[in-house]
Amino acid sequence: MAQGKSGQERRRRPRVKIDGGVVAKVQTVLHAPVIDLSVTGALVEVEEALRPGARCTVRIPIADNAPLRLGARVVRSTLVSLARRGEGARAARYQAAVEFVDVSDEDAARLSAYLEGLDGAIAAEISTEPSTKA
């Protein structure tokens, strides 16, 4: 158990060791500048490699009150740069291609209209879905 400097237990409830059989699922949200965007998919830049085949949700801020949320599948993820970040730490940048899946006709129309009027940089959020692997 975690103990403070005085040796006292800091947790309010004890934890129990688990020997398999229980798997936690974690969702990650990444800020992702969009390199290019179409009605069928996008190329985004992220700080983590995304696993090809993984499902994710892409949130595109096309309107303040109604951002577009599209289901997607990672097609590929490629390391594009590796830079030093103080004291020897390295910062990786990846470009990930995602294909939109199960897009409703309404969402496709909203995205298409947005693309027609687009003339600048945008950023999306990528929410990775938890892996089913342990």
N, C-alpha and C. Protein backbone atom coordinates (compact mmCIF):
# COMPACT_ATOMS: atom_id res chain seq x y z
N MET A 1 0.83 -1.18 0.00
CA MET A 1 0.00 0.00 0.00
C MET A 1 0.87 1.24 0.00
N ALA A 2 0.34 2.32 -0.53
CA ALA A 2 1.09 3.58 -0.58
C ALA A 2 1.12 4.20 0.80
N GLN A 3 2.32 4.60 1.20
CA GLN A 3 2.47 5.21 2.51
C GLN A 3 3.06 6.59 2.37
N GLY A 4 2.61 7.50 3.25
CA GLY A 4 3.15 8.85 3.28
C GLY A 4 4.47 8.87 4.01
N LYS A 5 5.05 10.07 4.19
CA LYS A 5 6.34 10.23 4.86
C LYS A 5 6.32 9.71 6.29
N SER A 6 5.17 9.78 6.93
CA SER A 6 5.05 9.33 8.31
C SER A 6 4.86 7.82 8.42
N GLY A 7 4.76 7.14 7.28
CA GLY A 7 4.55 5.70 7.31
C GLY A 7 3.07 5.34 7.37
N GLN A 8 2.21 6.32 7.43
CA GLN A 8 0.77 6.08 7.48
C GLN A 8 0.23 5.75 6.08
N GLU A 9 -0.74 4.88 6.01
CA GLU A 9 -1.40 4.55 4.75
C GLU A 9 -2.13 5.78 4.24
N ARG A 10 -1.95 6.11 2.95
CA ARG A 10 -2.59 7.28 2.36
C ARG A 10 -3.92 6.95 1.68
N ARG A 11 -4.15 5.73 1.29
CA ARG A 11 -5.38 5.37 0.59
C ARG A 11 -6.55 5.30 1.58
N ARG A 12 -7.72 5.71 1.08
CA ARG A 12 -8.92 5.62 1.92
C ARG A 12 -9.44 4.19 1.97
N ARG A 13 -9.18 3.42 0.92
CA ARG A 13 -9.63 2.03 0.83
C ARG A 13 -8.45 1.16 0.41
N PRO A 14 -8.35 -0.02 0.94
CA PRO A 14 -7.24 -0.91 0.57
C PRO A 14 -7.42 -1.42 -0.87
N ARG A 15 -6.30 -1.70 -1.52
CA ARG A 15 -6.32 -2.32 -2.84
C ARG A 15 -6.01 -3.80 -2.70
N VAL A 16 -6.52 -4.57 -3.66
CA VAL A 16 -6.33 -6.01 -3.65
C VAL A 16 -5.55 -6.39 -4.90
N LYS A 17 -4.51 -7.21 -4.76
CA LYS A 17 -3.74 -7.70 -5.90
C LYS A 17 -4.60 -8.62 -6.74
N ILE A 18 -4.53 -8.46 -8.06
CA ILE A 18 -5.31 -9.26 -8.99
C ILE A 18 -4.35 -10.06 -9.86
N ASP A 19 -4.58 -11.36 -9.98
CA ASP A 19 -3.75 -12.22 -10.82
C ASP A 19 -4.50 -12.55 -12.10
N GLY A 20 -4.63 -11.56 -12.99
CA GLY A 20 -5.29 -11.77 -14.28
C GLY A 20 -6.80 -11.78 -14.16
N GLY A 21 -7.45 -11.88 -15.31
CA GLY A 21 -8.90 -11.96 -15.32
C GLY A 21 -9.62 -10.62 -15.32
N VAL A 22 -8.93 -9.56 -14.91
CA VAL A 22 -9.53 -8.23 -14.91
C VAL A 22 -8.68 -7.33 -15.80
N VAL A 23 -9.33 -6.67 -16.75
CA VAL A 23 -8.62 -5.80 -17.69
C VAL A 23 -9.25 -4.42 -17.64
N ALA A 24 -8.43 -3.41 -17.47
CA ALA A 24 -8.93 -2.04 -17.50
C ALA A 24 -8.88 -1.53 -18.93
N LYS A 25 -9.85 -0.70 -19.30
CA LYS A 25 -9.86 -0.08 -20.62
C LYS A 25 -9.67 1.42 -20.40
N VAL A 26 -8.73 2.00 -21.15
CA VAL A 26 -8.39 3.41 -20.99
C VAL A 26 -8.63 4.13 -22.31
N GLN A 27 -9.28 5.28 -22.23
CA GLN A 27 -9.50 6.10 -23.42
C GLN A 27 -8.56 7.29 -23.35
N THR A 28 -7.97 7.64 -24.48
CA THR A 28 -7.03 8.75 -24.57
C THR A 28 -7.60 9.80 -25.51
N VAL A 29 -7.45 11.08 -25.13
CA VAL A 29 -7.84 12.17 -26.02
C VAL A 29 -6.57 12.92 -26.41
N LEU A 30 -6.34 13.05 -27.72
CA LEU A 30 -5.15 13.71 -28.22
C LEU A 30 -5.52 14.91 -29.07
N HIS A 31 -4.82 16.03 -28.87
CA HIS A 31 -4.97 17.18 -29.74
C HIS A 31 -4.28 16.80 -31.05
N ALA A 32 -4.94 17.05 -32.18
CA ALA A 32 -4.41 16.56 -33.45
C ALA A 32 -4.58 17.60 -34.56
N PRO A 33 -3.52 18.37 -34.85
CA PRO A 33 -3.61 19.25 -36.02
C PRO A 33 -3.92 18.41 -37.27
N VAL A 34 -4.83 18.91 -38.09
CA VAL A 34 -5.25 18.19 -39.29
C VAL A 34 -4.37 18.62 -40.46
N ILE A 35 -3.73 17.66 -41.10
CA ILE A 35 -2.88 17.91 -42.26
C ILE A 35 -3.75 18.04 -43.51
N ASP A 36 -4.65 17.07 -43.70
CA ASP A 36 -5.63 17.16 -44.77
C ASP A 36 -6.90 16.44 -44.34
N LEU A 37 -8.00 16.81 -45.01
CA LEU A 37 -9.31 16.34 -44.59
C LEU A 37 -10.19 16.16 -45.82
N SER A 38 -10.94 15.07 -45.84
CA SER A 38 -11.93 14.84 -46.90
C SER A 38 -13.18 14.28 -46.24
N VAL A 39 -14.20 14.03 -47.03
CA VAL A 39 -15.43 13.46 -46.50
C VAL A 39 -15.21 12.02 -46.04
N THR A 40 -14.17 11.37 -46.55
CA THR A 40 -13.93 9.96 -46.21
C THR A 40 -12.83 9.72 -45.18
N GLY A 41 -12.05 10.76 -44.84
CA GLY A 41 -10.98 10.53 -43.87
C GLY A 41 -10.11 11.75 -43.67
N ALA A 42 -9.04 11.56 -42.89
CA ALA A 42 -8.15 12.67 -42.57
C ALA A 42 -6.74 12.16 -42.30
N LEU A 43 -5.79 13.07 -42.44
CA LEU A 43 -4.42 12.84 -42.01
C LEU A 43 -4.18 13.82 -40.87
N VAL A 44 -3.83 13.29 -39.69
CA VAL A 44 -3.65 14.13 -38.51
C VAL A 44 -2.26 13.92 -37.94
N GLU A 45 -1.81 14.88 -37.16
CA GLU A 45 -0.50 14.78 -36.51
C GLU A 45 -0.72 14.64 -35.01
N VAL A 46 -0.10 13.64 -34.41
CA VAL A 46 -0.27 13.34 -32.99
C VAL A 46 1.08 13.04 -32.35
N GLU A 47 1.11 13.04 -31.03
CA GLU A 47 2.36 12.78 -30.30
C GLU A 47 2.53 11.32 -29.91
N GLU A 48 1.56 10.48 -30.26
CA GLU A 48 1.63 9.05 -29.96
C GLU A 48 1.32 8.27 -31.23
N ALA A 49 1.94 7.11 -31.35
CA ALA A 49 1.59 6.23 -32.47
C ALA A 49 0.20 5.68 -32.23
N LEU A 50 -0.62 5.68 -33.26
CA LEU A 50 -1.93 5.07 -33.18
C LEU A 50 -1.86 3.71 -33.88
N ARG A 51 -2.44 2.72 -33.27
CA ARG A 51 -2.36 1.35 -33.79
C ARG A 51 -3.25 1.18 -35.01
N PRO A 52 -2.69 0.78 -36.16
CA PRO A 52 -3.51 0.52 -37.34
C PRO A 52 -4.63 -0.47 -37.01
N GLY A 53 -5.82 -0.15 -37.49
CA GLY A 53 -7.00 -0.97 -37.21
C GLY A 53 -7.77 -0.52 -35.99
N ALA A 54 -7.14 0.29 -35.14
CA ALA A 54 -7.81 0.76 -33.93
C ALA A 54 -8.95 1.69 -34.29
N ARG A 55 -10.01 1.64 -33.52
CA ARG A 55 -11.15 2.54 -33.70
C ARG A 55 -10.91 3.79 -32.87
N CYS A 56 -11.40 4.90 -33.38
CA CYS A 56 -11.28 6.16 -32.65
C CYS A 56 -12.44 7.06 -33.05
N THR A 57 -12.56 8.17 -32.36
CA THR A 57 -13.55 9.18 -32.69
C THR A 57 -12.80 10.46 -33.01
N VAL A 58 -13.13 11.08 -34.12
CA VAL A 58 -12.51 12.34 -34.51
C VAL A 58 -13.54 13.44 -34.26
N ARG A 59 -13.15 14.43 -33.47
CA ARG A 59 -14.03 15.56 -33.17
C ARG A 59 -13.51 16.76 -33.94
N ILE A 60 -14.32 17.27 -34.87
CA ILE A 60 -13.93 18.40 -35.70
C ILE A 60 -14.79 19.59 -35.32
N PRO A 61 -14.18 20.70 -34.90
CA PRO A 61 -14.95 21.86 -34.43
C PRO A 61 -15.52 22.70 -35.57
N ILE A 62 -16.53 22.15 -36.27
CA ILE A 62 -17.07 22.90 -37.41
C ILE A 62 -18.06 23.98 -36.98
N ALA A 63 -18.58 23.87 -35.77
CA ALA A 63 -19.47 24.90 -35.23
C ALA A 63 -19.32 24.87 -33.71
N ASP A 64 -19.34 26.05 -33.08
CA ASP A 64 -19.15 26.12 -31.63
C ASP A 64 -20.15 25.28 -30.85
N ASN A 65 -21.40 25.31 -31.30
CA ASN A 65 -22.42 24.60 -30.54
C ASN A 65 -22.65 23.16 -30.99
N ALA A 66 -22.06 22.76 -32.10
CA ALA A 66 -22.29 21.41 -32.61
C ALA A 66 -21.08 20.86 -33.35
N PRO A 67 -20.00 20.52 -32.63
CA PRO A 67 -18.85 19.94 -33.32
C PRO A 67 -19.24 18.60 -33.95
N LEU A 68 -18.56 18.26 -34.99
CA LEU A 68 -18.82 17.01 -35.70
C LEU A 68 -17.99 15.91 -35.05
N ARG A 69 -18.64 14.82 -34.68
CA ARG A 69 -17.95 13.66 -34.11
C ARG A 69 -18.15 12.49 -35.07
N LEU A 70 -17.02 12.01 -35.60
CA LEU A 70 -17.07 10.93 -36.58
C LEU A 70 -16.31 9.71 -36.10
N GLY A 71 -16.91 8.56 -36.23
CA GLY A 71 -16.21 7.32 -35.95
C GLY A 71 -15.16 7.11 -37.03
N ALA A 72 -14.01 6.56 -36.65
CA ALA A 72 -12.94 6.36 -37.62
C ALA A 72 -12.14 5.11 -37.27
N ARG A 73 -11.38 4.67 -38.26
CA ARG A 73 -10.46 3.54 -38.10
C ARG A 73 -9.09 4.01 -38.54
N VAL A 74 -8.07 3.70 -37.73
CA VAL A 74 -6.70 4.09 -38.08
C VAL A 74 -6.21 3.19 -39.20
N VAL A 75 -5.78 3.82 -40.31
CA VAL A 75 -5.27 3.08 -41.46
C VAL A 75 -3.77 2.87 -41.31
N ARG A 76 -3.06 3.94 -40.93
CA ARG A 76 -1.60 3.83 -40.71
C ARG A 76 -1.17 4.95 -39.77
N SER A 77 -0.01 4.74 -39.16
CA SER A 77 0.58 5.74 -38.27
C SER A 77 2.09 5.69 -38.50
N THR A 78 2.65 6.85 -38.88
CA THR A 78 4.05 6.90 -39.28
C THR A 78 4.81 7.93 -38.47
N LEU A 79 5.97 7.57 -37.93
CA LEU A 79 6.83 8.52 -37.24
C LEU A 79 7.38 9.51 -38.27
N VAL A 80 7.17 10.83 -38.02
CA VAL A 80 7.64 11.83 -38.98
C VAL A 80 8.74 12.71 -38.40
N SER A 81 8.86 12.79 -37.08
CA SER A 81 9.96 13.56 -36.50
C SER A 81 10.22 13.12 -35.08
N LEU A 82 11.46 13.33 -34.67
CA LEU A 82 11.89 13.01 -33.32
C LEU A 82 12.83 14.14 -32.91
N ALA A 83 12.41 14.94 -31.94
CA ALA A 83 13.19 16.11 -31.54
C ALA A 83 13.57 16.01 -30.07
N ARG A 84 14.67 16.64 -29.72
CA ARG A 84 15.08 16.69 -28.31
C ARG A 84 14.22 17.71 -27.59
N ARG A 85 13.90 17.37 -26.35
CA ARG A 85 13.07 18.24 -25.54
C ARG A 85 13.71 18.36 -24.16
N GLY A 86 14.76 19.14 -24.04
CA GLY A 86 15.41 19.37 -22.75
C GLY A 86 15.83 18.10 -22.02
N GLU A 87 16.97 18.15 -21.40
CA GLU A 87 17.52 17.07 -20.56
C GLU A 87 17.44 15.69 -21.20
N GLY A 88 17.64 15.63 -22.52
CA GLY A 88 17.72 14.35 -23.20
C GLY A 88 16.40 13.72 -23.56
N ALA A 89 15.28 14.27 -23.09
CA ALA A 89 13.97 13.71 -23.45
C ALA A 89 13.71 13.95 -24.93
N ARG A 90 12.98 13.07 -25.55
CA ARG A 90 12.67 13.20 -26.97
C ARG A 90 11.17 13.32 -27.16
N ALA A 91 10.80 14.14 -28.11
CA ALA A 91 9.40 14.31 -28.46
C ALA A 91 9.17 13.73 -29.85
N ALA A 92 8.29 12.77 -29.94
CA ALA A 92 7.98 12.15 -31.22
C ALA A 92 6.73 12.80 -31.80
N ARG A 93 6.68 12.87 -33.13
CA ARG A 93 5.50 13.34 -33.85
C ARG A 93 5.16 12.27 -34.89
N TYR A 94 3.90 11.91 -34.93
CA TYR A 94 3.42 10.90 -35.87
C TYR A 94 2.35 11.51 -36.76
N GLN A 95 2.24 11.02 -37.96
CA GLN A 95 1.11 11.34 -38.81
C GLN A 95 0.29 10.06 -38.92
N ALA A 96 -0.99 10.20 -38.64
CA ALA A 96 -1.89 9.05 -38.69
C ALA A 96 -3.00 9.31 -39.70
N ALA A 97 -3.20 8.35 -40.58
CA ALA A 97 -4.30 8.41 -41.54
C ALA A 97 -5.48 7.67 -40.92
N VAL A 98 -6.63 8.34 -40.91
CA VAL A 98 -7.84 7.71 -40.39
C VAL A 98 -8.92 7.72 -41.47
N GLU A 99 -9.67 6.65 -41.51
CA GLU A 99 -10.79 6.52 -42.44
C GLU A 99 -12.08 6.61 -41.64
N PHE A 100 -12.97 7.52 -42.02
CA PHE A 100 -14.24 7.65 -41.32
C PHE A 100 -15.11 6.43 -41.62
N VAL A 101 -15.80 5.93 -40.60
CA VAL A 101 -16.64 4.75 -40.75
C VAL A 101 -18.05 5.04 -40.22
N ASP A 102 -19.01 4.42 -40.83
CA ASP A 102 -20.41 4.53 -40.40
C ASP A 102 -20.86 5.99 -40.27
N VAL A 103 -20.52 6.80 -41.27
CA VAL A 103 -20.88 8.22 -41.27
C VAL A 103 -22.31 8.36 -41.80
N SER A 104 -23.15 9.05 -41.05
CA SER A 104 -24.52 9.26 -41.50
C SER A 104 -24.53 10.22 -42.69
N ASP A 105 -25.59 10.18 -43.47
CA ASP A 105 -25.73 11.10 -44.59
C ASP A 105 -25.71 12.55 -44.11
N GLU A 106 -26.33 12.80 -42.96
CA GLU A 106 -26.37 14.15 -42.41
C GLU A 106 -24.97 14.64 -42.04
N ASP A 107 -24.18 13.78 -41.37
CA ASP A 107 -22.82 14.18 -41.00
C ASP A 107 -21.94 14.36 -42.23
N ALA A 108 -22.11 13.49 -43.24
CA ALA A 108 -21.34 13.64 -44.48
C ALA A 108 -21.67 14.97 -45.16
N ALA A 109 -22.94 15.35 -45.15
CA ALA A 109 -23.35 16.62 -45.75
C ALA A 109 -22.78 17.80 -44.96
N ARG A 110 -22.79 17.71 -43.63
CA ARG A 110 -22.22 18.78 -42.80
C ARG A 110 -20.73 18.94 -43.07
N LEU A 111 -20.02 17.81 -43.15
CA LEU A 111 -18.58 17.86 -43.41
C LEU A 111 -18.30 18.40 -44.81
N SER A 112 -19.06 17.97 -45.78
CA SER A 112 -18.87 18.44 -47.15
C SER A 112 -19.08 19.96 -47.23
N ALA A 113 -20.12 20.47 -46.60
CA ALA A 113 -20.38 21.92 -46.59
C ALA A 113 -19.25 22.66 -45.89
N TYR A 114 -18.75 22.09 -44.80
CA TYR A 114 -17.64 22.70 -44.07
C TYR A 114 -16.39 22.76 -44.95
N LEU A 115 -16.10 21.67 -45.65
CA LEU A 115 -14.91 21.62 -46.51
C LEU A 115 -14.99 22.65 -47.65
N GLU A 116 -16.17 22.88 -48.17
CA GLU A 116 -16.33 23.85 -49.26
C GLU A 116 -15.97 25.26 -48.81
N GLY A 117 -16.22 25.59 -47.54
CA GLY A 117 -15.94 26.93 -47.04
C GLY A 117 -14.64 27.05 -46.28
N LEU A 118 -13.87 25.98 -46.21
CA LEU A 118 -12.63 25.97 -45.42
C LEU A 118 -11.51 26.70 -46.13
N ASP A 119 -10.81 27.56 -45.39
CA ASP A 119 -9.66 28.26 -45.99
C ASP A 119 -8.52 28.45 -45.00
N GLY A 120 -8.48 27.65 -43.96
CA GLY A 120 -7.40 27.81 -43.00
C GLY A 120 -7.12 26.52 -42.24
N ALA A 121 -6.23 26.63 -41.29
CA ALA A 121 -5.82 25.48 -40.49
C ALA A 121 -6.91 25.10 -39.49
N ILE A 122 -7.05 23.82 -39.25
CA ILE A 122 -7.96 23.35 -38.22
C ILE A 122 -7.25 22.31 -37.37
N ALA A 123 -7.80 22.08 -36.21
CA ALA A 123 -7.29 21.02 -35.34
C ALA A 123 -8.47 20.19 -34.89
N ALA A 124 -8.25 18.93 -34.73
CA ALA A 124 -9.29 18.02 -34.27
C ALA A 124 -8.82 17.39 -32.97
N GLU A 125 -9.71 16.67 -32.33
CA GLU A 125 -9.34 15.84 -31.19
C GLU A 125 -9.57 14.40 -31.61
N ILE A 126 -8.65 13.55 -31.24
CA ILE A 126 -8.77 12.12 -31.50
C ILE A 126 -8.99 11.45 -30.17
N SER A 127 -10.08 10.72 -30.03
CA SER A 127 -10.35 9.93 -28.83
C SER A 127 -10.17 8.47 -29.20
N THR A 128 -9.12 7.89 -28.70
CA THR A 128 -8.88 6.48 -29.01
C THR A 128 -9.80 5.64 -28.16
N GLU A 129 -10.28 4.58 -28.74
CA GLU A 129 -11.11 3.66 -27.99
C GLU A 129 -10.21 2.66 -27.29
N PRO A 130 -10.61 2.23 -26.13
CA PRO A 130 -9.76 1.28 -25.39
C PRO A 130 -9.49 0.02 -26.18
N SER A 131 -8.26 -0.45 -26.07
CA SER A 131 -7.87 -1.68 -26.72
C SER A 131 -8.53 -2.85 -26.01
N THR A 132 -8.91 -3.88 -26.76
CA THR A 132 -9.49 -5.06 -26.15
C THR A 132 -8.41 -6.06 -25.76
N LYS A 133 -7.16 -5.74 -26.08
CA LYS A 133 -6.06 -6.63 -25.72
C LYS A 133 -5.57 -6.29 -24.33
N ALA A 134 -5.10 -7.28 -23.60
CA ALA A 134 -4.61 -7.05 -22.23
C ALA A 134 -3.29 -6.35 -22.23
